[in-house]
N, C-alpha and C. Protein backbone atom coordinates (compact mmCIF):
# COMPACT_ATOMS: atom_id res chain seq x y z
N MET A 1 -52.83 46.68 -31.92
CA MET A 1 -53.79 46.40 -31.27
C MET A 1 -53.24 45.27 -30.53
N LYS A 2 -53.22 45.34 -28.96
CA LYS A 2 -52.24 44.49 -28.40
C LYS A 2 -53.11 42.87 -28.05
N LYS A 3 -52.23 42.14 -28.29
CA LYS A 3 -53.07 40.57 -28.17
C LYS A 3 -52.43 40.32 -26.99
N ASN A 4 -53.68 39.93 -26.10
CA ASN A 4 -53.41 39.37 -24.72
C ASN A 4 -53.27 37.79 -24.98
N LYS A 5 -52.54 37.43 -24.50
CA LYS A 5 -52.05 35.72 -24.37
C LYS A 5 -52.49 35.48 -22.98
N GLU A 6 -53.30 34.31 -22.85
CA GLU A 6 -53.57 33.98 -21.54
C GLU A 6 -52.38 32.91 -21.33
N TYR A 7 -51.60 32.89 -20.07
CA TYR A 7 -50.85 32.28 -19.18
C TYR A 7 -51.55 31.00 -18.59
N ASN A 8 -51.78 29.80 -18.83
CA ASN A 8 -52.38 28.98 -17.60
C ASN A 8 -51.31 28.25 -16.83
N ARG A 9 -51.74 27.26 -16.56
CA ARG A 9 -50.92 26.68 -15.30
C ARG A 9 -50.00 25.61 -15.93
N ARG A 10 -50.71 25.03 -17.09
CA ARG A 10 -49.81 23.59 -17.97
C ARG A 10 -48.83 24.65 -18.77
N ASP A 11 -48.88 25.83 -19.18
CA ASP A 11 -47.81 26.72 -19.81
C ASP A 11 -46.69 27.08 -18.97
N PHE A 12 -47.18 27.37 -17.51
CA PHE A 12 -45.98 27.64 -16.43
C PHE A 12 -45.45 26.73 -16.09
N ILE A 13 -46.06 25.68 -16.01
CA ILE A 13 -45.11 24.58 -15.75
C ILE A 13 -44.08 23.90 -16.72
N ARG A 14 -44.43 24.00 -18.12
CA ARG A 14 -43.75 23.41 -19.29
C ARG A 14 -42.68 24.41 -19.33
N SER A 15 -43.20 25.70 -19.30
CA SER A 15 -41.96 26.63 -19.40
C SER A 15 -40.78 26.80 -18.55
N GLY A 16 -41.18 26.30 -17.22
CA GLY A 16 -40.53 25.96 -15.61
C GLY A 16 -39.63 24.60 -16.17
N MET A 17 -39.96 23.87 -16.52
CA MET A 17 -39.43 22.29 -17.17
C MET A 17 -38.50 22.61 -18.17
N ARG A 18 -38.76 23.49 -18.92
CA ARG A 18 -37.63 23.62 -20.18
C ARG A 18 -36.49 24.45 -19.56
N LEU A 19 -36.97 25.40 -18.83
CA LEU A 19 -36.08 26.27 -18.27
C LEU A 19 -34.89 25.55 -17.50
N SER A 20 -35.54 24.75 -16.27
CA SER A 20 -34.60 23.62 -15.52
C SER A 20 -33.75 22.80 -16.49
N LEU A 21 -34.10 22.27 -17.24
CA LEU A 21 -33.14 21.30 -18.02
C LEU A 21 -32.26 21.95 -18.98
N ALA A 22 -32.61 23.55 -19.07
CA ALA A 22 -31.81 24.14 -20.03
C ALA A 22 -30.35 24.37 -18.88
N LEU A 23 -30.74 24.65 -17.90
CA LEU A 23 -29.90 25.14 -16.93
C LEU A 23 -29.11 23.92 -16.47
N SER A 24 -29.98 22.98 -16.55
CA SER A 24 -29.05 21.81 -15.88
C SER A 24 -28.25 20.93 -17.00
N LEU A 25 -28.36 21.38 -18.16
CA LEU A 25 -27.68 20.78 -19.30
C LEU A 25 -26.42 21.72 -19.32
N GLY A 26 -26.78 23.19 -19.24
CA GLY A 26 -25.58 24.32 -19.14
C GLY A 26 -24.74 23.59 -17.99
N GLY A 27 -25.24 23.64 -17.04
CA GLY A 27 -24.46 23.08 -15.40
C GLY A 27 -23.36 22.30 -15.81
N ILE A 28 -24.00 20.99 -16.46
CA ILE A 28 -23.16 19.94 -16.56
C ILE A 28 -22.17 20.14 -17.52
N GLY A 29 -22.52 20.78 -18.91
CA GLY A 29 -21.55 21.15 -20.03
C GLY A 29 -20.51 21.83 -19.25
N GLY A 30 -20.68 22.93 -18.68
CA GLY A 30 -19.80 23.89 -17.94
C GLY A 30 -19.32 23.12 -16.77
N LEU A 31 -19.24 22.02 -16.25
CA LEU A 31 -18.83 21.12 -15.23
C LEU A 31 -17.81 20.17 -16.28
N ALA A 32 -18.29 19.65 -17.42
CA ALA A 32 -17.43 18.85 -18.02
C ALA A 32 -16.36 20.14 -18.77
N LEU A 33 -16.08 20.82 -19.10
CA LEU A 33 -15.51 21.72 -19.73
C LEU A 33 -14.33 22.31 -18.70
N ARG A 34 -14.93 22.40 -17.35
CA ARG A 34 -14.13 22.93 -16.40
C ARG A 34 -12.99 21.79 -15.84
N LYS A 35 -13.67 20.74 -15.93
CA LYS A 35 -12.69 19.71 -15.59
C LYS A 35 -11.47 19.45 -16.52
N HIS A 36 -12.09 19.42 -18.05
CA HIS A 36 -11.41 19.22 -19.23
C HIS A 36 -10.40 20.23 -19.31
N THR A 37 -10.50 21.40 -18.92
CA THR A 37 -9.46 22.52 -19.19
C THR A 37 -8.77 22.65 -17.79
N SER A 38 -8.97 22.22 -16.69
CA SER A 38 -8.46 22.77 -15.54
C SER A 38 -7.59 21.89 -15.41
N GLU A 39 -6.43 22.02 -14.73
CA GLU A 39 -5.36 20.73 -14.83
C GLU A 39 -5.00 20.23 -13.37
N GLU A 40 -5.09 18.70 -13.47
CA GLU A 40 -4.92 18.47 -12.15
C GLU A 40 -3.58 18.48 -11.30
N TRP A 41 -3.67 18.36 -9.93
CA TRP A 41 -2.34 18.94 -9.32
C TRP A 41 -2.40 17.54 -8.71
N VAL A 42 -0.91 17.33 -8.09
CA VAL A 42 -0.22 16.15 -7.67
C VAL A 42 0.71 16.79 -6.68
N TRP A 43 0.99 15.84 -5.76
CA TRP A 43 2.06 15.87 -4.49
C TRP A 43 3.36 15.67 -5.29
N GLN A 44 4.60 16.31 -4.74
CA GLN A 44 5.83 15.89 -5.43
C GLN A 44 6.71 16.32 -4.28
N ILE A 45 7.91 15.74 -4.16
CA ILE A 45 9.09 16.08 -3.33
C ILE A 45 10.06 16.42 -4.27
N ASP A 46 10.91 17.99 -3.48
CA ASP A 46 11.71 18.43 -4.25
C ASP A 46 12.87 17.87 -3.75
N PRO A 47 13.72 17.00 -4.44
CA PRO A 47 14.80 16.39 -3.62
C PRO A 47 15.74 17.33 -2.88
N PHE A 48 16.17 18.60 -3.29
CA PHE A 48 17.14 19.64 -2.96
C PHE A 48 16.53 20.16 -1.57
N LEU A 49 15.12 19.90 -1.18
CA LEU A 49 15.04 20.13 -0.08
C LEU A 49 14.68 19.51 1.36
N CYS A 50 14.59 18.12 0.69
CA CYS A 50 14.23 16.66 1.72
C CYS A 50 15.47 16.83 2.60
N ASN A 51 15.42 16.69 3.52
CA ASN A 51 16.23 16.49 4.78
C ASN A 51 16.19 14.52 5.25
N GLN A 52 15.41 13.66 4.75
CA GLN A 52 15.63 12.61 5.10
C GLN A 52 14.91 12.12 6.19
N CYS A 53 13.89 12.84 6.97
CA CYS A 53 13.61 12.63 8.08
C CYS A 53 13.07 11.30 8.24
N GLY A 54 12.66 10.67 7.58
CA GLY A 54 11.77 9.45 7.69
C GLY A 54 10.28 9.28 7.68
N ARG A 55 9.57 10.60 8.06
CA ARG A 55 8.43 10.81 8.11
C ARG A 55 7.55 10.02 7.10
N CYS A 56 8.12 10.32 5.65
CA CYS A 56 7.33 9.34 4.23
C CYS A 56 6.87 8.11 4.89
N ALA A 57 7.65 7.42 5.60
CA ALA A 57 7.18 5.86 5.56
C ALA A 57 6.42 5.70 6.86
N THR A 58 6.17 6.74 7.69
CA THR A 58 5.29 6.35 8.94
C THR A 58 4.10 7.23 8.69
N GLU A 59 3.95 8.71 8.31
CA GLU A 59 2.91 9.69 7.98
C GLU A 59 1.87 9.29 6.73
N CYS A 60 2.25 8.53 5.37
CA CYS A 60 1.62 8.50 4.59
C CYS A 60 0.60 7.26 4.99
N VAL A 61 -0.82 7.92 4.41
CA VAL A 61 -2.01 7.35 4.49
C VAL A 61 -1.86 5.74 3.88
N ARG A 62 -1.07 5.58 3.02
CA ARG A 62 -0.91 4.49 2.32
C ARG A 62 0.45 3.34 3.56
N ASN A 63 -0.24 2.14 3.39
CA ASN A 63 0.81 1.08 3.65
C ASN A 63 1.22 0.06 2.88
N PRO A 64 2.24 0.00 2.56
CA PRO A 64 3.25 1.06 2.39
C PRO A 64 3.14 2.17 1.92
N SER A 65 4.09 3.36 2.25
CA SER A 65 3.89 4.48 1.86
C SER A 65 4.02 4.50 0.43
N ALA A 66 3.59 5.40 -0.32
CA ALA A 66 3.34 6.06 -1.95
C ALA A 66 4.81 6.46 -2.27
N VAL A 67 5.80 6.96 -1.37
CA VAL A 67 7.13 7.72 -1.36
C VAL A 67 8.08 6.48 -1.67
N LYS A 68 8.93 6.12 -2.72
CA LYS A 68 9.51 5.19 -2.94
C LYS A 68 11.21 6.07 -3.11
N CYS A 69 12.13 5.30 -3.29
CA CYS A 69 13.53 5.68 -3.33
C CYS A 69 13.46 5.51 -4.91
N VAL A 70 14.29 6.84 -5.56
CA VAL A 70 14.85 6.94 -6.92
C VAL A 70 16.18 6.76 -6.91
N HIS A 71 16.57 6.26 -7.98
CA HIS A 71 18.11 6.10 -8.13
C HIS A 71 18.35 6.85 -9.31
N ALA A 72 19.25 7.81 -9.49
CA ALA A 72 19.40 8.88 -10.54
C ALA A 72 20.83 8.36 -10.95
N PHE A 73 20.73 7.17 -11.86
CA PHE A 73 21.84 6.51 -12.20
C PHE A 73 22.69 7.67 -12.85
N ASP A 74 22.52 8.70 -13.45
CA ASP A 74 23.68 9.80 -14.08
C ASP A 74 24.55 10.20 -12.96
N LEU A 75 24.43 10.23 -11.50
CA LEU A 75 24.78 10.93 -10.47
C LEU A 75 25.78 9.84 -9.91
N CYS A 76 25.10 8.73 -10.16
CA CYS A 76 26.20 7.51 -9.42
C CYS A 76 27.42 7.39 -9.50
N GLY A 77 28.04 7.08 -8.46
CA GLY A 77 29.83 6.58 -8.82
C GLY A 77 29.55 5.31 -8.85
N TYR A 78 28.94 4.61 -8.60
CA TYR A 78 28.96 3.00 -8.45
C TYR A 78 29.74 2.32 -7.91
N CYS A 79 29.69 3.13 -6.43
CA CYS A 79 30.97 2.65 -5.53
C CYS A 79 31.15 1.37 -5.11
N ASP A 80 32.06 0.08 -4.92
CA ASP A 80 32.36 -0.84 -3.91
C ASP A 80 31.60 -0.58 -2.81
N LEU A 81 31.95 0.56 -2.36
CA LEU A 81 31.23 1.22 -0.62
C LEU A 81 30.27 2.29 -0.79
N CYS A 82 28.97 1.75 -1.05
CA CYS A 82 28.19 2.46 -1.16
C CYS A 82 27.53 2.90 0.21
N GLY A 83 27.22 4.58 0.30
CA GLY A 83 27.13 4.66 1.56
C GLY A 83 25.01 4.66 1.67
N GLY A 84 24.39 4.53 0.34
CA GLY A 84 23.49 4.28 0.65
C GLY A 84 22.87 2.78 0.66
N TYR A 85 23.73 1.96 0.80
CA TYR A 85 23.76 0.26 0.65
C TYR A 85 24.02 -0.31 1.96
N PHE A 86 25.48 0.24 2.32
CA PHE A 86 25.98 -0.64 3.32
C PHE A 86 25.78 0.32 5.00
N ILE A 87 25.93 -0.19 5.57
CA ILE A 87 25.78 0.50 7.23
C ILE A 87 27.25 1.25 7.30
N PRO A 88 27.09 2.33 8.13
CA PRO A 88 28.53 2.87 8.69
C PRO A 88 29.20 1.59 9.32
N ASP A 89 30.41 1.83 8.68
CA ASP A 89 31.51 0.87 9.15
C ASP A 89 31.15 -0.94 9.14
N PRO A 90 30.88 -1.34 7.81
CA PRO A 90 30.37 -2.57 7.47
C PRO A 90 31.26 -3.75 8.13
N ILE A 91 30.93 -4.70 8.55
CA ILE A 91 32.02 -5.90 9.05
C ILE A 91 32.78 -6.10 7.68
N LYS A 92 31.93 -6.29 6.41
CA LYS A 92 32.63 -6.89 5.25
C LYS A 92 31.81 -6.36 4.21
N LEU A 93 32.19 -6.10 3.02
CA LEU A 93 31.16 -5.59 1.92
C LEU A 93 30.93 -6.84 1.10
N ASP A 94 30.05 -7.03 1.74
CA ASP A 94 29.28 -8.19 1.27
C ASP A 94 27.85 -8.02 1.14
N THR A 95 27.06 -8.51 0.43
CA THR A 95 25.65 -8.39 0.72
C THR A 95 24.75 -8.91 1.85
N GLY A 96 25.55 -8.92 2.65
CA GLY A 96 24.55 -9.81 4.27
C GLY A 96 23.91 -9.00 4.81
N ALA A 97 22.81 -9.34 4.90
CA ALA A 97 21.83 -8.64 5.72
C ALA A 97 22.47 -7.93 7.00
N GLU A 98 23.29 -8.02 7.61
CA GLU A 98 23.93 -7.28 8.53
C GLU A 98 24.76 -6.16 8.31
N ASN A 99 25.09 -6.55 7.04
CA ASN A 99 25.58 -5.10 6.55
C ASN A 99 24.85 -3.96 5.67
N GLN A 100 23.80 -4.51 5.08
CA GLN A 100 22.88 -3.35 4.52
C GLN A 100 21.88 -2.37 5.35
N LEU A 101 22.15 -1.15 4.92
CA LEU A 101 21.35 -0.18 5.59
C LEU A 101 19.92 0.13 5.27
N CYS A 102 19.26 -0.78 4.18
CA CYS A 102 17.91 -0.75 4.11
C CYS A 102 17.50 -1.75 4.64
N PRO A 103 16.62 -1.32 5.50
CA PRO A 103 15.84 -2.56 6.43
C PRO A 103 14.70 -3.56 5.84
N THR A 104 14.66 -3.24 4.83
CA THR A 104 13.61 -4.29 3.95
C THR A 104 14.58 -5.07 2.70
N GLY A 105 15.65 -4.76 2.43
CA GLY A 105 16.52 -5.31 1.60
C GLY A 105 15.74 -4.98 -0.01
N ALA A 106 15.54 -3.76 -0.11
CA ALA A 106 15.05 -3.15 -1.13
C ALA A 106 16.03 -2.75 -2.07
N ILE A 107 17.31 -2.69 -1.88
CA ILE A 107 18.41 -2.41 -2.84
C ILE A 107 19.09 -3.66 -3.25
N THR A 108 19.28 -3.74 -4.36
CA THR A 108 20.18 -4.88 -4.75
C THR A 108 21.02 -4.37 -5.50
N ARG A 109 22.54 -5.31 -5.13
CA ARG A 109 23.63 -4.87 -5.68
C ARG A 109 24.21 -6.04 -6.86
N LYS A 110 24.54 -5.22 -7.88
CA LYS A 110 24.86 -6.39 -8.94
C LYS A 110 26.50 -5.46 -9.24
N PHE A 111 27.15 -6.78 -9.21
CA PHE A 111 28.89 -6.20 -9.65
C PHE A 111 28.63 -5.98 -11.60
N ILE A 112 29.45 -5.14 -11.45
CA ILE A 112 29.70 -4.63 -13.13
C ILE A 112 30.97 -4.92 -13.34
N GLU A 113 32.17 -4.33 -13.15
CA GLU A 113 33.90 -4.82 -13.04
C GLU A 113 34.46 -4.02 -12.11
N GLU A 114 35.54 -4.58 -11.64
CA GLU A 114 36.01 -3.90 -10.68
C GLU A 114 36.32 -2.52 -10.52
N PRO A 115 36.37 -1.79 -9.88
CA PRO A 115 35.66 -1.79 -8.71
C PRO A 115 34.04 -1.20 -8.58
N PHE A 116 33.64 -1.43 -9.74
CA PHE A 116 32.12 -0.93 -9.85
C PHE A 116 31.05 -1.80 -9.77
N PHE A 117 29.89 -1.51 -9.02
CA PHE A 117 28.67 -2.07 -8.67
C PHE A 117 27.48 -1.21 -9.01
N GLU A 118 26.54 -1.85 -9.40
CA GLU A 118 25.27 -1.32 -9.90
C GLU A 118 24.17 -1.62 -8.58
N TYR A 119 23.79 -0.30 -8.69
CA TYR A 119 22.60 -0.74 -7.21
C TYR A 119 21.02 -0.08 -8.03
N THR A 120 20.49 -1.02 -7.50
CA THR A 120 18.79 -1.06 -8.01
C THR A 120 18.12 -0.81 -6.78
N ILE A 121 17.03 -0.30 -7.32
CA ILE A 121 15.82 -0.18 -5.93
C ILE A 121 14.42 -1.35 -6.35
N ASP A 122 13.88 -2.14 -5.33
CA ASP A 122 13.16 -2.77 -5.82
C ASP A 122 11.80 -2.17 -5.07
N GLU A 123 11.25 -1.26 -6.12
CA GLU A 123 9.96 -0.55 -5.42
C GLU A 123 8.84 -1.35 -4.62
N GLU A 124 8.67 -2.72 -4.52
CA GLU A 124 7.47 -3.38 -3.87
C GLU A 124 8.11 -3.25 -2.70
N LEU A 125 9.45 -3.52 -2.51
CA LEU A 125 9.85 -3.48 -1.00
C LEU A 125 10.51 -2.31 -0.70
N CYS A 126 10.20 -1.32 -1.40
CA CYS A 126 11.03 0.12 -0.63
C CYS A 126 9.57 0.40 0.61
N ILE A 127 9.82 1.28 1.68
CA ILE A 127 9.12 1.96 2.43
C ILE A 127 8.76 3.40 2.40
N GLY A 128 10.17 3.79 2.09
CA GLY A 128 10.51 5.42 1.81
C GLY A 128 11.03 5.84 3.14
N CYS A 129 11.73 4.97 3.78
CA CYS A 129 12.24 5.28 5.27
C CYS A 129 13.39 6.57 5.07
N ALA A 130 14.04 6.52 3.69
CA ALA A 130 15.01 7.30 3.81
C ALA A 130 16.28 7.22 3.89
N LYS A 131 16.51 5.97 4.86
CA LYS A 131 17.75 5.76 5.24
C LYS A 131 19.19 5.56 4.34
N CYS A 132 18.32 4.84 3.06
CA CYS A 132 19.47 4.69 2.27
C CYS A 132 19.70 6.02 1.44
N VAL A 133 19.08 7.22 1.33
CA VAL A 133 18.90 8.55 1.02
C VAL A 133 20.03 9.04 1.46
N LYS A 134 19.61 9.18 2.90
CA LYS A 134 20.58 10.01 3.94
C LYS A 134 22.13 9.25 3.99
N GLY A 135 22.27 8.34 4.04
CA GLY A 135 23.47 7.44 3.62
C GLY A 135 24.27 7.97 2.35
N CYS A 136 23.40 7.76 1.62
CA CYS A 136 24.14 8.02 -0.02
C CYS A 136 24.26 9.76 -0.19
N ALA A 137 23.60 10.70 0.99
CA ALA A 137 23.97 11.86 1.03
C ALA A 137 25.24 12.23 1.51
N SER A 138 25.27 11.47 2.71
CA SER A 138 26.31 11.56 3.87
C SER A 138 27.67 11.32 3.13
N PHE A 139 27.59 10.28 2.27
CA PHE A 139 28.87 9.91 2.03
C PHE A 139 28.98 9.96 0.50
N GLY A 140 27.95 9.72 -0.26
CA GLY A 140 28.56 9.71 -1.73
C GLY A 140 28.27 11.04 -2.21
N ASN A 141 27.45 10.99 -3.54
CA ASN A 141 27.22 12.07 -4.11
C ASN A 141 25.40 12.49 -4.39
N GLY A 142 24.86 11.71 -3.63
CA GLY A 142 23.41 12.04 -3.53
C GLY A 142 22.71 11.57 -4.51
N SER A 143 23.31 9.92 -5.51
CA SER A 143 22.21 9.79 -6.31
C SER A 143 20.70 9.32 -6.11
N LEU A 144 20.75 8.87 -4.46
CA LEU A 144 19.05 8.32 -4.36
C LEU A 144 18.56 9.36 -3.55
N HIS A 145 17.21 9.27 -3.97
CA HIS A 145 16.52 10.52 -3.44
C HIS A 145 14.98 9.91 -3.36
N LEU A 146 14.14 10.75 -2.74
CA LEU A 146 12.96 10.11 -2.62
C LEU A 146 11.87 10.86 -3.50
N GLN A 147 10.81 9.78 -3.61
CA GLN A 147 9.96 10.75 -4.61
C GLN A 147 8.56 10.00 -4.90
N ILE A 148 7.49 11.08 -4.61
CA ILE A 148 5.83 9.90 -4.23
C ILE A 148 5.76 9.89 -5.74
N ARG A 149 5.57 8.50 -5.63
CA ARG A 149 4.71 8.00 -7.19
C ARG A 149 3.29 8.20 -7.13
N HIS A 150 2.76 9.02 -8.30
CA HIS A 150 1.96 9.61 -8.44
C HIS A 150 0.78 7.71 -8.78
N ASP A 151 1.19 6.98 -9.47
CA ASP A 151 0.31 5.81 -9.62
C ASP A 151 0.03 5.20 -8.38
N LEU A 152 0.63 5.35 -7.40
CA LEU A 152 0.30 4.87 -6.11
C LEU A 152 -0.17 6.15 -5.11
N CYS A 153 -0.24 7.41 -5.17
CA CYS A 153 -0.28 8.17 -4.27
C CYS A 153 -1.96 8.61 -4.37
N ARG A 154 -2.80 8.51 -3.41
CA ARG A 154 -4.14 8.94 -3.27
C ARG A 154 -4.34 10.42 -3.74
N ASN A 155 -3.76 11.29 -3.40
CA ASN A 155 -3.79 12.41 -4.25
C ASN A 155 -4.67 13.13 -3.37
N CYS A 156 -4.38 13.11 -1.63
CA CYS A 156 -5.26 13.48 -0.68
C CYS A 156 -5.18 15.11 -0.76
N ASN A 157 -6.21 15.89 -0.33
CA ASN A 157 -6.36 17.08 -0.39
C ASN A 157 -5.16 17.66 0.66
N GLN A 158 -5.10 17.38 1.60
CA GLN A 158 -4.50 17.60 2.76
C GLN A 158 -3.48 16.42 2.82
N CYS A 159 -2.17 16.25 2.38
CA CYS A 159 -1.19 15.37 2.21
C CYS A 159 -0.91 15.31 3.75
N SER A 160 -0.78 14.00 4.37
CA SER A 160 -0.58 13.89 5.80
C SER A 160 1.03 13.80 5.94
N ILE A 161 1.83 13.80 4.46
CA ILE A 161 3.05 13.76 4.93
C ILE A 161 3.56 15.58 5.01
N ALA A 162 2.98 16.08 3.75
CA ALA A 162 3.22 17.39 3.75
C ALA A 162 2.93 18.10 5.04
N ARG A 163 2.02 17.81 5.89
CA ARG A 163 1.58 18.43 6.96
C ARG A 163 2.86 18.54 8.01
N VAL A 164 3.64 17.57 8.21
CA VAL A 164 4.42 17.16 9.07
C VAL A 164 6.00 17.45 8.25
N CYS A 165 6.15 17.55 7.35
CA CYS A 165 7.36 17.59 6.62
C CYS A 165 8.22 18.99 7.12
N PRO A 166 9.35 18.73 8.26
CA PRO A 166 10.01 19.68 8.51
C PRO A 166 10.91 20.43 7.43
N SER A 167 11.15 20.35 6.64
CA SER A 167 11.68 20.71 5.46
C SER A 167 10.99 21.34 4.70
N LYS A 168 9.59 21.35 4.67
CA LYS A 168 8.83 21.63 3.76
C LYS A 168 8.79 20.96 2.08
N ALA A 169 9.49 20.05 1.82
CA ALA A 169 10.09 19.41 0.65
C ALA A 169 8.56 19.14 -0.25
N ILE A 170 7.54 18.85 0.38
CA ILE A 170 6.26 18.48 -0.36
C ILE A 170 5.87 19.36 -0.85
N LYS A 171 5.09 19.52 -2.02
CA LYS A 171 4.45 20.87 -2.53
C LYS A 171 3.45 19.80 -3.70
N ARG A 172 2.53 20.85 -3.88
CA ARG A 172 1.52 20.26 -4.90
C ARG A 172 2.24 20.82 -6.30
N VAL A 173 2.17 20.45 -7.20
CA VAL A 173 2.68 20.85 -9.22
C VAL A 173 1.61 20.34 -9.59
N PRO A 174 1.49 21.05 -10.72
CA PRO A 174 0.77 20.01 -12.00
C PRO A 174 0.98 19.07 -12.55
N ALA A 175 0.05 18.04 -12.55
CA ALA A 175 0.39 16.70 -13.22
C ALA A 175 1.39 16.40 -14.34
N SER A 176 1.36 17.93 -15.00
CA SER A 176 1.97 17.77 -16.20
C SER A 176 3.66 17.78 -16.41
N GLU A 177 3.89 18.49 -14.88
CA GLU A 177 5.36 18.38 -14.53
C GLU A 177 6.05 16.99 -14.61
N PRO A 178 7.26 16.74 -14.81
CA PRO A 178 7.87 15.61 -14.60
C PRO A 178 8.16 15.54 -13.03
N TYR A 179 8.74 14.23 -12.95
CA TYR A 179 9.13 14.23 -11.48
C TYR A 179 10.41 15.14 -11.27
N LEU A 180 11.06 15.43 -10.05
CA LEU A 180 12.05 16.25 -10.02
C LEU A 180 12.82 15.17 -9.42
N ILE A 181 14.00 14.56 -10.62
CA ILE A 181 14.92 14.23 -10.45
C ILE A 181 16.28 14.84 -10.38
N LYS A 182 17.17 14.67 -9.49
CA LYS A 182 18.51 15.08 -9.55
C LYS A 182 19.09 15.09 -10.95
N GLY A 183 19.38 14.09 -11.49
CA GLY A 183 20.20 14.08 -12.55
C GLY A 183 19.70 14.84 -13.47
N ASN A 184 18.28 15.18 -13.27
CA ASN A 184 17.97 15.99 -15.15
C ASN A 184 17.10 17.32 -14.66
N PHE A 185 17.56 18.03 -13.24
CA PHE A 185 16.86 18.94 -12.86
C PHE A 185 17.61 20.04 -12.58
N THR A 186 17.83 21.09 -13.08
CA THR A 186 18.32 22.52 -12.19
C THR A 186 17.77 23.15 -11.96
N ARG A 187 17.99 23.48 -9.99
CA ARG A 187 16.90 24.63 -9.49
C ARG A 187 17.67 26.02 -10.14
N SER A 188 16.38 27.01 -10.17
CA SER A 188 17.01 28.32 -10.86
C SER A 188 16.67 29.09 -9.42
C-alpha cells in the first residue's frame, strides 16, 4: 500500500532553506579548502635576465618602488674602486656625493682593511633605479642586482613593471620559492 504524503507550502520552504544552507556551507568550505591548498604567486626578478633599464623605479605603482637593490656579498670583491658605488672616472675615491653613482645615497661604504671596503644598501633610501647594478655589472662581478621585495609589493595581477620590462625578467613564481640571488642560485 502506497502512502501518499502531502507536501505543503511550509515543508517546501523548509526543504528549500535547508538545501540552500547546505549549499552555502559547502561552498564556503570549498573556498576555504581551495585557498588553503592553492599556493600564492608573487612577482620576482630574474637577475640573470635583468638589463638594468631603470623602469623598476618609474613604472612601479608604489612610490618609492617595491624593487630594491640586493647585494650578494659572496660575489663581491670589496673593491676600493667599486663600479656600483662610484661614478665612472670619479674625481677622488671618497664618499662625496659628487663621486657617488646612487642618486639617493642608498649605498654606504665602510672601510675593512687596505684595500677592501664593504658596501651595504639602505633599502629605505633605495628607489630601484638600477644605476648601481648597471655600474657593478659593467665594471665588477655583478654582485649588486634588483629584487622585488614581497613585503612591499602590492602583488598586482598585472604588474606595471612586468608589462614594460624589455628583457622579460619579471615573472610570477610560487611564494614558496626563494628570491633569486646571484650568489646562491645556478641557472639550469
